[in-house]
């Protein structure tokens, strides 16, 4: 994730995210938009961008290098350790939890302490 601020000289100003073709143009997805310290809650594509808007972007690994000096926004920070959780072992955990709940229900005599 990367945080950036829309600059005063940006040609993105006064355009909605959809009109600006942000995803295609910058190869980045806007995750959130903050304006005057508050998160914009409307649909991301319908938000009209203004100078000073803080964008939280999901980007590729080369985004910071490619757009570091872009006139449309100022890059503030790259958020470390923002990789999404991996679910490759989800099914193993689900089966284990389900068995821990169901086995004592069906085999009470084997699991009783008395």
Foldseek 3Di string as FASTA:
>chain_A
DWKKFFAQPAPQAQPACQRVVVCVVQVKDFPWKDDPRHTDDDDRRGDGDHGGIMTDIDHDPCSCVVCCPPNGIHTDDDDPPPDDDDCPCVVVVVVVVVCVVPVCVVPVVVPDPD
